[in-house]
Amino acid sequence: MHKEVIKHPVLQQMIDKGNVPLSLATRGAGMVFVSGLPPVDLKTGELVRGDIEAQTRASLNAVKAVLGEAGSSLDKVLKCTVFAVNAGQFDRVNAIYAEFFPKDPPARTFVTVGSWPWPFDIEIEAVALT
């Protein structure tokens, strides 16, 4: 078995531009590990600004896109971790999250964080089967 690095054309440019030492995702042993992804517009590679609903949707779309590049999908996600700057947005995040995982959602942890070096309020990571 070996580790395979997964790339997404637009998201990889964002990572490269930010000079961040990480892989968007890695695949091995029948699993995919998606790094925490902020709300990124998949067409432009720019951060999505706006309310937590828009940011949550963009972050989950990024996770979905990277999973697709890895040969997986949202329905194969075993675990997500949601990192948000405001626990008061829990219900609003859940409303959008439920749209992406309408049935049998994966295990999940919701963690509040202080801040990031860039202007966004949420980041979501996932572990999935291939």
Protein backbone atom coordinates (compact mmCIF):
# COMPACT_ATOMS: atom_id res chain seq x y z
CA MET A 1 0.00 0.00 0.00
CA HIS A 2 1.09 3.54 -0.64
CA LYS A 3 -0.03 7.12 -0.10
CA GLU A 4 -1.37 9.03 -3.08
CA VAL A 5 -1.70 12.81 -3.08
CA ILE A 6 -4.95 14.14 -4.54
CA LYS A 7 -5.09 17.52 -6.29
CA HIS A 8 -7.91 19.70 -7.58
CA PRO A 9 -6.98 22.21 -10.31
CA VAL A 10 -8.47 25.35 -8.76
CA LEU A 11 -8.01 24.50 -5.10
CA GLN A 12 -4.40 23.41 -5.64
CA GLN A 13 -3.62 26.85 -7.06
CA MET A 14 -4.95 28.41 -3.85
CA ILE A 15 -2.73 26.14 -1.75
CA ASP A 16 0.30 26.80 -3.92
CA LYS A 17 -0.29 30.56 -3.90
CA GLY A 18 -0.57 30.58 -0.12
CA ASN A 19 2.62 28.51 0.18
CA VAL A 20 0.87 26.20 2.67
CA PRO A 21 2.67 22.88 3.28
CA LEU A 22 -0.25 20.46 2.93
CA SER A 23 -2.00 18.20 0.47
CA LEU A 24 -5.66 18.84 -0.29
CA ALA A 25 -6.24 15.14 0.25
CA THR A 26 -4.39 11.90 0.52
CA ARG A 27 -5.66 8.47 -0.44
CA GLY A 28 -4.51 5.06 0.76
CA ALA A 29 -5.73 1.79 2.23
CA GLY A 30 -9.20 2.38 0.78
CA MET A 31 -9.64 5.75 2.48
CA VAL A 32 -9.46 9.42 1.56
CA PHE A 33 -8.39 12.11 4.04
CA VAL A 34 -9.47 15.61 2.99
CA SER A 35 -7.68 18.51 4.66
CA GLY A 36 -9.70 21.24 6.30
CA LEU A 37 -11.02 23.33 3.42
CA PRO A 38 -12.13 26.92 3.78
CA PRO A 39 -14.93 28.46 1.72
CA VAL A 40 -13.42 28.71 -1.74
CA ASP A 41 -15.15 29.58 -5.00
CA LEU A 42 -14.40 26.57 -7.20
CA LYS A 43 -14.41 28.69 -10.35
CA THR A 44 -12.11 31.52 -9.24
CA GLY A 45 -10.11 30.05 -6.36
CA GLU A 46 -10.97 33.09 -4.25
CA LEU A 47 -12.31 32.93 -0.72
CA VAL A 48 -16.08 33.21 -0.46
CA ARG A 49 -17.10 36.10 1.73
CA GLY A 50 -20.52 36.60 3.22
CA ASP A 51 -22.68 34.99 5.83
CA ILE A 52 -21.95 31.65 7.47
CA GLU A 53 -24.47 29.90 5.24
CA ALA A 54 -22.62 30.95 2.07
CA GLN A 55 -19.27 30.05 3.60
CA THR A 56 -20.50 26.65 4.82
CA ARG A 57 -21.93 25.82 1.41
CA ALA A 58 -18.68 26.82 -0.32
CA SER A 59 -16.57 24.80 2.12
CA LEU A 60 -18.72 21.70 1.66
CA ASN A 61 -18.67 22.14 -2.13
CA ALA A 62 -14.87 22.21 -1.92
CA VAL A 63 -14.86 19.01 0.15
CA LYS A 64 -17.22 17.42 -2.37
CA ALA A 65 -14.99 18.44 -5.29
CA VAL A 66 -11.83 17.06 -3.70
CA LEU A 67 -13.60 13.82 -2.83
CA GLY A 68 -14.62 13.56 -6.48
CA GLU A 69 -11.01 14.00 -7.58
CA ALA A 70 -10.12 11.15 -5.23
CA GLY A 71 -12.80 8.84 -6.64
CA SER A 72 -15.05 9.20 -3.63
CA SER A 73 -18.19 11.16 -2.75
CA LEU A 74 -20.13 12.68 0.12
CA ASP A 75 -22.14 9.51 0.62
CA LYS A 76 -18.90 7.68 1.47
CA VAL A 77 -17.83 10.14 4.18
CA LEU A 78 -17.26 8.46 7.53
CA LYS A 79 -16.30 11.53 9.59
CA CYS A 80 -16.26 15.30 9.27
CA THR A 81 -14.74 17.91 11.50
CA VAL A 82 -16.19 21.40 11.30
CA PHE A 83 -14.01 24.24 12.55
CA ALA A 84 -15.88 27.52 13.08
CA VAL A 85 -15.02 30.80 14.75
CA ASN A 86 -18.42 31.21 16.39
CA ALA A 87 -20.31 28.48 18.27
CA GLY A 88 -23.38 30.71 18.04
CA GLN A 89 -23.56 29.81 14.33
CA PHE A 90 -24.03 26.10 15.12
CA ASP A 91 -27.68 25.95 14.00
CA ARG A 92 -27.02 27.94 10.84
CA VAL A 93 -24.10 25.68 9.90
CA ASN A 94 -26.24 22.61 10.61
CA ALA A 95 -28.98 23.81 8.26
CA ILE A 96 -26.56 23.89 5.31
CA TYR A 97 -24.68 20.77 6.44
CA ALA A 98 -27.96 18.82 6.42
CA GLU A 99 -28.45 19.73 2.74
CA PHE A 100 -25.18 17.94 1.89
CA PHE A 101 -25.82 14.97 4.20
CA PRO A 102 -29.62 14.55 4.14
CA LYS A 103 -29.64 10.86 5.12
CA ASP A 104 -27.38 8.89 7.45
CA PRO A 105 -24.90 11.73 8.03
CA PRO A 106 -21.32 10.89 8.95
CA ALA A 107 -19.88 11.13 12.44
CA ARG A 108 -18.95 14.74 13.12
CA THR A 109 -17.14 17.02 15.52
CA PHE A 110 -17.82 20.77 15.72
CA VAL A 111 -14.88 22.76 17.07
CA THR A 112 -14.70 26.48 17.71
CA VAL A 113 -11.40 28.13 16.86
CA GLY A 114 -9.91 31.57 17.45
CA SER A 115 -9.12 32.64 13.91
CA TRP A 116 -7.19 31.86 10.73
CA PRO A 117 -4.58 33.94 8.95
CA TRP A 118 -7.13 34.64 6.18
CA PRO A 119 -10.65 36.14 6.33
CA PHE A 120 -13.06 33.22 6.63
CA ASP A 121 -15.20 31.78 9.42
CA ILE A 122 -15.36 28.03 8.72
CA GLU A 123 -13.24 25.15 7.53
CA ILE A 124 -14.36 21.53 7.07
CA GLU A 125 -12.31 18.33 6.80
CA ALA A 126 -13.48 14.81 5.98
CA VAL A 127 -12.46 11.18 6.03
CA ALA A 128 -14.15 8.94 3.46
CA LEU A 129 -14.01 5.55 1.84
CA THR A 130 -12.82 5.37 -1.76
